[in-house]
Amino acid sequence: MEMVTSLGVSVITGLLSIMAFYYSFSKRAEGYYEETNEGLDSTGYFIVVGWILMGLHKLYKITFRSYHISALRITLFIFGTLFMGMCIGIWFLI
């Protein structure tokens, strides 16, 4: 893998992990998909992640009526750790 490609992938996954960690510990975790769909993004990564989390939030509202925000925070934290692992792990593949 080229150095520029690995740098780009690690920056994008690092940004996704930082956003996921920020919203997993914020006061309003359900605002993640609203803010990611409104931002300017030429790659489309943030829009797709926002759509996935919007669907998960609606699913959690149906299945876990009183704990849907906690389930969303746990999901965001898991996404953050996965993206951070991808961000760091890409350098071991070079």
PDB file of N, CA and C in Angstrom:
ATOM      1  N   MET A   1       0.841  -1.169   0.000  1.00  0.00           N
ATOM      2  CA  MET A   1       0.000   0.000   0.000  1.00  0.00           C
ATOM      3  C   MET A   1       0.893   1.241   0.000  1.00  0.00           C
ATOM      4  N   GLU A   2       0.496   2.223  -0.730  1.00  0.00           N
ATOM      5  CA  GLU A   2       1.287   3.444  -0.803  1.00  0.00           C
ATOM      6  C   GLU A   2       1.134   4.264   0.474  1.00  0.00           C
ATOM      7  N   MET A   3       2.094   5.102   0.713  1.00  0.00           N
ATOM      8  CA  MET A   3       2.093   5.923   1.916  1.00  0.00           C
ATOM      9  C   MET A   3       0.942   6.923   1.926  1.00  0.00           C
ATOM     10  N   VAL A   4       0.627   7.517   0.782  1.00  0.00           N
ATOM     11  CA  VAL A   4      -0.446   8.511   0.709  1.00  0.00           C
ATOM     12  C   VAL A   4      -1.802   7.851   0.944  1.00  0.00           C
ATOM     13  N   THR A   5      -1.986   6.655   0.405  1.00  0.00           N
ATOM     14  CA  THR A   5      -3.248   5.944   0.595  1.00  0.00           C
ATOM     15  C   THR A   5      -3.452   5.581   2.060  1.00  0.00           C
ATOM     16  N   SER A   6      -2.418   5.066   2.695  1.00  0.00           N
ATOM     17  CA  SER A   6      -2.550   4.698   4.105  1.00  0.00           C
ATOM     18  C   SER A   6      -2.746   5.928   4.981  1.00  0.00           C
ATOM     19  N   LEU A   7      -2.118   7.031   4.629  1.00  0.00           N
ATOM     20  CA  LEU A   7      -2.319   8.268   5.379  1.00  0.00           C
ATOM     21  C   LEU A   7      -3.759   8.766   5.239  1.00  0.00           C
ATOM     22  N   GLY A   8      -4.298   8.721   4.032  1.00  0.00           N
ATOM     23  CA  GLY A   8      -5.681   9.147   3.816  1.00  0.00           C
ATOM     24  C   GLY A   8      -6.681   8.275   4.544  1.00  0.00           C
ATOM     25  N   VAL A   9      -6.486   6.957   4.493  1.00  0.00           N
ATOM     26  CA  VAL A   9      -7.397   6.041   5.186  1.00  0.00           C
ATOM     27  C   VAL A   9      -7.322   6.247   6.690  1.00  0.00           C
ATOM     28  N   SER A  10      -6.131   6.429   7.223  1.00  0.00           N
ATOM     29  CA  SER A  10      -6.009   6.609   8.666  1.00  0.00           C
ATOM     30  C   SER A  10      -6.582   7.955   9.118  1.00  0.00           C
ATOM     31  N   VAL A  11      -6.474   8.984   8.306  1.00  0.00           N
ATOM     32  CA  VAL A  11      -7.063  10.278   8.675  1.00  0.00           C
ATOM     33  C   VAL A  11      -8.584  10.192   8.667  1.00  0.00           C
ATOM     34  N   ILE A  12      -9.153   9.565   7.653  1.00  0.00           N
ATOM     35  CA  ILE A  12     -10.615   9.455   7.570  1.00  0.00           C
ATOM     36  C   ILE A  12     -11.163   8.607   8.714  1.00  0.00           C
ATOM     37  N   THR A  13     -10.547   7.455   8.973  1.00  0.00           N
ATOM     38  CA  THR A  13     -11.032   6.626  10.079  1.00  0.00           C
ATOM     39  C   THR A  13     -10.767   7.276  11.424  1.00  0.00           C
ATOM     40  N   GLY A  14      -9.693   8.042  11.533  1.00  0.00           N
ATOM     41  CA  GLY A  14      -9.441   8.784  12.766  1.00  0.00           C
ATOM     42  C   GLY A  14     -10.499   9.838  13.020  1.00  0.00           C
ATOM     43  N   LEU A  15     -10.903  10.559  11.973  1.00  0.00           N
ATOM     44  CA  LEU A  15     -11.979  11.542  12.122  1.00  0.00           C
ATOM     45  C   LEU A  15     -13.301  10.885  12.502  1.00  0.00           C
ATOM     46  N   LEU A  16     -13.601   9.752  11.881  1.00  0.00           N
ATOM     47  CA  LEU A  16     -14.831   9.033  12.227  1.00  0.00           C
ATOM     48  C   LEU A  16     -14.804   8.550  13.674  1.00  0.00           C
ATOM     49  N   SER A  17     -13.649   8.080  14.134  1.00  0.00           N
ATOM     50  CA  SER A  17     -13.574   7.613  15.517  1.00  0.00           C
ATOM     51  C   SER A  17     -13.687   8.765  16.497  1.00  0.00           C
ATOM     52  N   ILE A  18     -13.081   9.905  16.175  1.00  0.00           N
ATOM     53  CA  ILE A  18     -13.193  11.067  17.063  1.00  0.00           C
ATOM     54  C   ILE A  18     -14.641  11.538  17.144  1.00  0.00           C
ATOM     55  N   MET A  19     -15.334  11.574  16.009  1.00  0.00           N
ATOM     56  CA  MET A  19     -16.739  11.980  16.024  1.00  0.00           C
ATOM     57  C   MET A  19     -17.595  10.977  16.800  1.00  0.00           C
ATOM     58  N   ALA A  20     -17.330   9.689  16.631  1.00  0.00           N
ATOM     59  CA  ALA A  20     -18.112   8.677  17.347  1.00  0.00           C
ATOM     60  C   ALA A  20     -17.866   8.756  18.849  1.00  0.00           C
ATOM     61  N   PHE A  21     -16.612   8.947  19.258  1.00  0.00           N
ATOM     62  CA  PHE A  21     -16.320   9.096  20.684  1.00  0.00           C
ATOM     63  C   PHE A  21     -16.941  10.371  21.249  1.00  0.00           C
ATOM     64  N   TYR A  22     -16.904  11.448  20.479  1.00  0.00           N
ATOM     65  CA  TYR A  22     -17.476  12.708  20.949  1.00  0.00           C
ATOM     66  C   TYR A  22     -18.973  12.557  21.213  1.00  0.00           C
ATOM     67  N   TYR A  23     -19.684  11.957  20.277  1.00  0.00           N
ATOM     68  CA  TYR A  23     -21.129  11.832  20.444  1.00  0.00           C
ATOM     69  C   TYR A  23     -21.527  10.721  21.396  1.00  0.00           C
ATOM     70  N   SER A  24     -20.641   9.757  21.647  1.00  0.00           N
ATOM     71  CA  SER A  24     -20.992   8.738  22.631  1.00  0.00           C
ATOM     72  C   SER A  24     -20.921   9.291  24.051  1.00  0.00           C
ATOM     73  N   PHE A  25     -20.099  10.312  24.269  1.00  0.00           N
ATOM     74  CA  PHE A  25     -19.999  10.916  25.590  1.00  0.00           C
ATOM     75  C   PHE A  25     -20.685  12.275  25.694  1.00  0.00           C
ATOM     76  N   SER A  26     -21.357  12.720  24.635  1.00  0.00           N
ATOM     77  CA  SER A  26     -22.011  14.028  24.682  1.00  0.00           C
ATOM     78  C   SER A  26     -23.368  13.926  25.365  1.00  0.00           C
ATOM     79  N   LYS A  27     -23.965  15.076  25.611  1.00  0.00           N
ATOM     80  CA  LYS A  27     -25.270  15.099  26.263  1.00  0.00           C
ATOM     81  C   LYS A  27     -26.388  14.682  25.327  1.00  0.00           C
ATOM     82  N   ARG A  28     -26.183  14.896  24.032  1.00  0.00           N
ATOM     83  CA  ARG A  28     -27.234  14.592  23.059  1.00  0.00           C
ATOM     84  C   ARG A  28     -26.685  13.621  22.012  1.00  0.00           C
ATOM     85  N   ALA A  29     -26.717  12.350  22.320  1.00  0.00           N
ATOM     86  CA  ALA A  29     -26.122  11.348  21.435  1.00  0.00           C
ATOM     87  C   ALA A  29     -26.931  11.143  20.172  1.00  0.00           C
ATOM     88  N   GLU A  30     -28.234  11.396  20.218  1.00  0.00           N
ATOM     89  CA  GLU A  30     -29.057  11.170  19.035  1.00  0.00           C
ATOM     90  C   GLU A  30     -28.875  12.251  17.982  1.00  0.00           C
ATOM     91  N   GLY A  31     -28.136  13.309  18.281  1.00  0.00           N
ATOM     92  CA  GLY A  31     -27.872  14.360  17.308  1.00  0.00           C
ATOM     93  C   GLY A  31     -26.751  14.038  16.343  1.00  0.00           C
ATOM     94  N   TYR A  32     -26.143  12.872  16.493  1.00  0.00           N
ATOM     95  CA  TYR A  32     -25.013  12.495  15.639  1.00  0.00           C
ATOM     96  C   TYR A  32     -25.404  12.442  14.179  1.00  0.00           C
ATOM     97  N   TYR A  33     -26.481  11.753  13.872  1.00  0.00           N
ATOM     98  CA  TYR A  33     -26.853  11.596  12.471  1.00  0.00           C
ATOM     99  C   TYR A  33     -27.422  12.874  11.883  1.00  0.00           C
ATOM    100  N   GLU A  34     -27.994  13.751  12.712  1.00  0.00           N
ATOM    101  CA  GLU A  34     -28.503  15.015  12.201  1.00  0.00           C
ATOM    102  C   GLU A  34     -27.363  15.932  11.782  1.00  0.00           C
ATOM    103  N   GLU A  35     -26.311  15.995  12.579  1.00  0.00           N
ATOM    104  CA  GLU A  35     -25.196  16.881  12.259  1.00  0.00           C
ATOM    105  C   GLU A  35     -24.320  16.321  11.149  1.00  0.00           C
ATOM    106  N   THR A  36     -24.209  14.996  11.034  1.00  0.00           N
ATOM    107  CA  THR A  36     -23.380  14.443   9.962  1.00  0.00           C
ATOM    108  C   THR A  36     -24.062  14.591   8.610  1.00  0.00           C
ATOM    109  N   ASN A  37     -25.386  14.594   8.570  1.00  0.00           N
ATOM    110  CA  ASN A  37     -26.076  14.758   7.289  1.00  0.00           C
ATOM    111  C   ASN A  37     -26.106  16.208   6.828  1.00  0.00           C
ATOM    112  N   GLU A  38     -25.890  17.165   7.726  1.00  0.00           N
ATOM    113  CA  GLU A  38     -25.931  18.570   7.350  1.00  0.00           C
ATOM    114  C   GLU A  38     -24.580  19.114   6.919  1.00  0.00           C
ATOM    115  N   GLY A  39     -23.490  18.440   7.268  1.00  0.00           N
ATOM    116  CA  GLY A  39     -22.153  18.950   6.984  1.00  0.00           C
ATOM    117  C   GLY A  39     -21.757  18.781   5.525  1.00  0.00           C
ATOM    118  N   LEU A  40     -20.774  19.582   5.117  1.00  0.00           N
ATOM    119  CA  LEU A  40     -20.244  19.492   3.763  1.00  0.00           C
ATOM    120  C   LEU A  40     -19.202  18.382   3.731  1.00  0.00           C
ATOM    121  N   ASP A  41     -19.430  17.394   2.914  1.00  0.00           N
ATOM    122  CA  ASP A  41     -18.517  16.263   2.830  1.00  0.00           C
ATOM    123  C   ASP A  41     -18.504  15.769   1.393  1.00  0.00           C
ATOM    124  N   SER A  42     -17.336  15.768   0.773  1.00  0.00           N
ATOM    125  CA  SER A  42     -17.252  15.334  -0.623  1.00  0.00           C
ATOM    126  C   SER A  42     -17.075  13.829  -0.750  1.00  0.00           C
ATOM    127  N   THR A  43     -16.668  13.150   0.329  1.00  0.00           N
ATOM    128  CA  THR A  43     -16.433  11.706   0.248  1.00  0.00           C
ATOM    129  C   THR A  43     -17.701  10.907   0.477  1.00  0.00           C
ATOM    130  N   GLY A  44     -18.607  11.381   1.310  1.00  0.00           N
ATOM    131  CA  GLY A  44     -19.842  10.668   1.588  1.00  0.00           C
ATOM    132  C   GLY A  44     -19.745   9.716   2.759  1.00  0.00           C
ATOM    133  N   TYR A  45     -18.578   9.598   3.399  1.00  0.00           N
ATOM    134  CA  TYR A  45     -18.427   8.694   4.533  1.00  0.00           C
ATOM    135  C   TYR A  45     -19.319   9.106   5.693  1.00  0.00           C
ATOM    136  N   PHE A  46     -19.336  10.392   6.011  1.00  0.00           N
ATOM    137  CA  PHE A  46     -20.105  10.855   7.155  1.00  0.00           C
ATOM    138  C   PHE A  46     -21.604  10.728   6.922  1.00  0.00           C
ATOM    139  N   ILE A  47     -22.041  10.922   5.686  1.00  0.00           N
ATOM    140  CA  ILE A  47     -23.462  10.780   5.385  1.00  0.00           C
ATOM    141  C   ILE A  47     -23.909   9.333   5.538  1.00  0.00           C
ATOM    142  N   VAL A  48     -23.111   8.394   5.047  1.00  0.00           N
ATOM    143  CA  VAL A  48     -23.463   6.974   5.156  1.00  0.00           C
ATOM    144  C   VAL A  48     -23.475   6.536   6.611  1.00  0.00           C
ATOM    145  N   VAL A  49     -22.488   6.961   7.387  1.00  0.00           N
ATOM    146  CA  VAL A  49     -22.457   6.616   8.810  1.00  0.00           C
ATOM    147  C   VAL A  49     -23.650   7.244   9.527  1.00  0.00           C
ATOM    148  N   GLY A  50     -24.007   8.463   9.165  1.00  0.00           N
ATOM    149  CA  GLY A  50     -25.177   9.104   9.765  1.00  0.00           C
ATOM    150  C   GLY A  50     -26.461   8.371   9.448  1.00  0.00           C
ATOM    151  N   TRP A  51     -26.593   7.883   8.201  1.00  0.00           N
ATOM    152  CA  TRP A  51     -27.790   7.112   7.839  1.00  0.00           C
ATOM    153  C   TRP A  51     -27.853   5.796   8.597  1.00  0.00           C
ATOM    154  N   ILE A  52     -26.722   5.130   8.758  1.00  0.00           N
ATOM    155  CA  ILE A  52     -26.691   3.861   9.499  1.00  0.00           C
ATOM    156  C   ILE A  52     -27.094   4.094  10.946  1.00  0.00           C
ATOM    157  N   LEU A  53     -26.539   5.133  11.566  1.00  0.00           N
ATOM    158  CA  LEU A  53     -26.862   5.388  12.967  1.00  0.00           C
ATOM    159  C   LEU A  53     -28.278   5.910  13.147  1.00  0.00           C
ATOM    160  N   MET A  54     -28.831   6.599  12.142  1.00  0.00           N
ATOM    161  CA  MET A  54     -30.223   7.023  12.219  1.00  0.00           C
ATOM    162  C   MET A  54     -31.135   5.792  12.203  1.00  0.00           C
ATOM    163  N   GLY A  55     -30.821   4.826  11.354  1.00  0.00           N
ATOM    164  CA  GLY A  55     -31.599   3.587  11.323  1.00  0.00           C
ATOM    165  C   GLY A  55     -31.469   2.806  12.622  1.00  0.00           C
ATOM    166  N   LEU A  56     -30.257   2.751  13.179  1.00  0.00           N
ATOM    167  CA  LEU A  56     -30.068   2.064  14.456  1.00  0.00           C
ATOM    168  C   LEU A  56     -30.832   2.763  15.578  1.00  0.00           C
ATOM    169  N   HIS A  57     -30.848   4.100  15.556  1.00  0.00           N
ATOM    170  CA  HIS A  57     -31.573   4.823  16.596  1.00  0.00           C
ATOM    171  C   HIS A  57     -33.068   4.539  16.518  1.00  0.00           C
ATOM    172  N   LYS A  58     -33.618   4.494  15.317  1.00  0.00           N
ATOM    173  CA  LYS A  58     -35.037   4.174  15.177  1.00  0.00           C
ATOM    174  C   LYS A  58     -35.318   2.735  15.596  1.00  0.00           C
ATOM    175  N   LEU A  59     -34.407   1.822  15.279  1.00  0.00           N
ATOM    176  CA  LEU A  59     -34.563   0.429  15.698  1.00  0.00           C
ATOM    177  C   LEU A  59     -34.479   0.309  17.214  1.00  0.00           C
ATOM    178  N   TYR A  60     -33.560   1.050  17.827  1.00  0.00           N
ATOM    179  CA  TYR A  60     -33.428   1.017  19.288  1.00  0.00           C
ATOM    180  C   TYR A  60     -34.642   1.631  19.968  1.00  0.00           C
ATOM    181  N   LYS A  61     -35.266   2.633  19.353  1.00  0.00           N
ATOM    182  CA  LYS A  61     -36.484   3.207  19.934  1.00  0.00           C
ATOM    183  C   LYS A  61     -37.617   2.185  19.958  1.00  0.00           C
ATOM    184  N   ILE A  62     -37.656   1.308  18.957  1.00  0.00           N
ATOM    185  CA  ILE A  62     -38.709   0.298  18.901  1.00  0.00           C
ATOM    186  C   ILE A  62     -38.423  -0.840  19.873  1.00  0.00           C
ATOM    187  N   THR A  63     -37.177  -1.317  19.891  1.00  0.00           N
ATOM    188  CA  THR A  63     -36.863  -2.495  20.702  1.00  0.00           C
ATOM    189  C   THR A  63     -36.587  -2.165  22.164  1.00  0.00           C
ATOM    190  N   PHE A  64     -35.790  -1.127  22.429  1.00  0.00           N
ATOM    191  CA  PHE A  64     -35.461  -0.736  23.802  1.00  0.00           C
ATOM    192  C   PHE A  64     -36.101   0.615  24.077  1.00  0.00           C
ATOM    193  N   ARG A  65     -37.339   0.614  24.502  1.00  0.00           N
ATOM    194  CA  ARG A  65     -38.080   1.866  24.639  1.00  0.00           C
ATOM    195  C   ARG A  65     -37.477   2.810  25.679  1.00  0.00           C
ATOM    196  N   SER A  66     -37.089   2.304  26.827  1.00  0.00           N
ATOM    197  CA  SER A  66     -36.590   3.204  27.866  1.00  0.00           C
ATOM    198  C   SER A  66     -35.070   3.335  27.868  1.00  0.00           C
ATOM    199  N   TYR A  67     -34.368   2.465  27.159  1.00  0.00           N
ATOM    200  CA  TYR A  67     -32.904   2.506  27.166  1.00  0.00           C
ATOM    201  C   TYR A  67     -32.324   2.716  25.769  1.00  0.00           C
ATOM    202  N   HIS A  68     -33.050   3.372  24.879  1.00  0.00           N
ATOM    203  CA  HIS A  68     -32.577   3.498  23.506  1.00  0.00           C
ATOM    204  C   HIS A  68     -31.384   4.436  23.387  1.00  0.00           C
ATOM    205  N   ILE A  69     -31.270   5.453  24.234  1.00  0.00           N
ATOM    206  CA  ILE A  69     -30.116   6.357  24.187  1.00  0.00           C
ATOM    207  C   ILE A  69     -28.869   5.640  24.695  1.00  0.00           C
ATOM    208  N   SER A  70     -29.014   4.826  25.733  1.00  0.00           N
ATOM    209  CA  SER A  70     -27.865   4.068  26.232  1.00  0.00           C
ATOM    210  C   SER A  70     -27.370   3.071  25.192  1.00  0.00           C
ATOM    211  N   ALA A  71     -28.297   2.429  24.504  1.00  0.00           N
ATOM    212  CA  ALA A  71     -27.900   1.489  23.454  1.00  0.00           C
ATOM    213  C   ALA A  71     -27.209   2.215  22.308  1.00  0.00           C
ATOM    214  N   LEU A  72     -27.669   3.415  21.978  1.00  0.00           N
ATOM    215  CA  LEU A  72     -27.022   4.195  20.924  1.00  0.00           C
ATOM    216  C   LEU A  72     -25.627   4.645  21.352  1.00  0.00           C
ATOM    217  N   ARG A  73     -25.467   5.034  22.618  1.00  0.00           N
ATOM    218  CA  ARG A  73     -24.143   5.425  23.112  1.00  0.00           C
ATOM    219  C   ARG A  73     -23.169   4.251  23.083  1.00  0.00           C
ATOM    220  N   ILE A  74     -23.639   3.076  23.452  1.00  0.00           N
ATOM    221  CA  ILE A  74     -22.783   1.885  23.412  1.00  0.00           C
ATOM    222  C   ILE A  74     -22.391   1.570  21.978  1.00  0.00           C
ATOM    223  N   THR A  75     -23.340   1.685  21.055  1.00  0.00           N
ATOM    224  CA  THR A  75     -23.039   1.444  19.639  1.00  0.00           C
ATOM    225  C   THR A  75     -22.035   2.453  19.108  1.00  0.00           C
ATOM    226  N   LEU A  76     -22.196   3.722  19.459  1.00  0.00           N
ATOM    227  CA  LEU A  76     -21.241   4.749  19.037  1.00  0.00           C
ATOM    228  C   LEU A  76     -19.859   4.490  19.616  1.00  0.00           C
ATOM    229  N   PHE A  77     -19.790   4.043  20.866  1.00  0.00           N
ATOM    230  CA  PHE A  77     -18.504   3.740  21.474  1.00  0.00           C
ATOM    231  C   PHE A  77     -17.834   2.560  20.766  1.00  0.00           C
ATOM    232  N   ILE A  78     -18.611   1.544  20.408  1.00  0.00           N
ATOM    233  CA  ILE A  78     -18.058   0.394  19.683  1.00  0.00           C
ATOM    234  C   ILE A  78     -17.574   0.818  18.302  1.00  0.00           C
ATOM    235  N   PHE A  79     -18.363   1.648  17.594  1.00  0.00           N
ATOM    236  CA  PHE A  79     -17.915   2.177  16.303  1.00  0.00           C
ATOM    237  C   PHE A  79     -16.621   2.970  16.462  1.00  0.00           C
ATOM    238  N   GLY A  80     -16.531   3.776  17.513  1.00  0.00           N
ATOM    239  CA  GLY A  80     -15.330   4.572  17.753  1.00  0.00           C
ATOM    240  C   GLY A  80     -14.104   3.718  17.982  1.00  0.00           C
ATOM    241  N   THR A  81     -14.257   2.654  18.776  1.00  0.00           N
ATOM    242  CA  THR A  81     -13.108   1.783  19.014  1.00  0.00           C
ATOM    243  C   THR A  81     -12.723   1.012  17.758  1.00  0.00           C
ATOM    244  N   LEU A  82     -13.710   0.601  16.966  1.00  0.00           N
ATOM    245  CA  LEU A  82     -13.384  -0.087  15.709  1.00  0.00           C
ATOM    246  C   LEU A  82     -12.659   0.828  14.734  1.00  0.00           C
ATOM    247  N   PHE A  83     -13.156   2.059  14.596  1.00  0.00           N
ATOM    248  CA  PHE A  83     -12.500   3.001  13.693  1.00  0.00           C
ATOM    249  C   PHE A  83     -11.110   3.392  14.196  1.00  0.00           C
ATOM    250  N   MET A  84     -10.947   3.517  15.514  1.00  0.00           N
ATOM    251  CA  MET A  84      -9.630   3.839  16.049  1.00  0.00           C
ATOM    252  C   MET A  84      -8.665   2.681  15.837  1.00  0.00           C
ATOM    253  N   GLY A  85      -9.153   1.462  16.004  1.00  0.00           N
ATOM    254  CA  GLY A  85      -8.318   0.291  15.720  1.00  0.00           C
ATOM    255  C   GLY A  85      -7.926   0.215  14.257  1.00  0.00           C
ATOM    256  N   MET A  86      -8.853   0.589  13.372  1.00  0.00           N
ATOM    257  CA  MET A  86      -8.540   0.626  11.942  1.00  0.00           C
ATOM    258  C   MET A  86      -7.529   1.729  11.638  1.00  0.00           C
ATOM    259  N   CYS A  87      -7.691   2.861  12.297  1.00  0.00           N
ATOM    260  CA  CYS A  87      -6.790   3.995  12.078  1.00  0.00           C
ATOM    261  C   CYS A  87      -5.365   3.644  12.497  1.00  0.00           C
ATOM    262  N   ILE A  88      -5.213   2.995  13.615  1.00  0.00           N
ATOM    263  CA  ILE A  88      -3.881   2.618  14.099  1.00  0.00           C
ATOM    264  C   ILE A  88      -3.371   1.378  13.374  1.00  0.00           C
ATOM    265  N   GLY A  89      -4.252   0.438  13.114  1.00  0.00           N
ATOM    266  CA  GLY A  89      -3.843  -0.828  12.505  1.00  0.00           C
ATOM    267  C   GLY A  89      -3.407  -0.738  11.063  1.00  0.00           C
ATOM    268  N   ILE A  90      -3.800   0.319  10.354  1.00  0.00           N
ATOM    269  CA  ILE A  90      -3.409   0.448   8.944  1.00  0.00           C
ATOM    270  C   ILE A  90      -1.902   0.630   8.812  1.00  0.00           C
ATOM    271  N   TRP A  91      -1.270   1.186   9.843  1.00  0.00           N
ATOM    272  CA  TRP A  91       0.175   1.413   9.776  1.00  0.00           C
ATOM    273  C   TRP A  91       0.960   0.111   9.924  1.00  0.00           C
ATOM    274  N   PHE A  92       0.346  -0.930  10.490  1.00  0.00           N
ATOM    275  CA  PHE A  92       1.026  -2.222  10.589  1.00  0.00           C
ATOM    276  C   PHE A  92       0.974  -2.997   9.281  1.00  0.00           C
ATOM    277  N   LEU A  93       0.105  -2.574   8.370  1.00  0.00           N
ATOM    278  CA  LEU A  93      -0.006  -3.248   7.071  1.00  0.00           C
ATOM    279  C   LEU A  93       0.966  -2.710   6.037  1.00  0.00           C
ATOM    280  N   ILE A  94       1.596  -1.593   6.328  1.00  0.00           N
ATOM    281  CA  ILE A  94       2.521  -0.983   5.353  1.00  0.00           C
ATOM    282  C   ILE A  94       3.756  -1.840   5.194  1.00  0.00           C
TER     283      ILE A  94
END
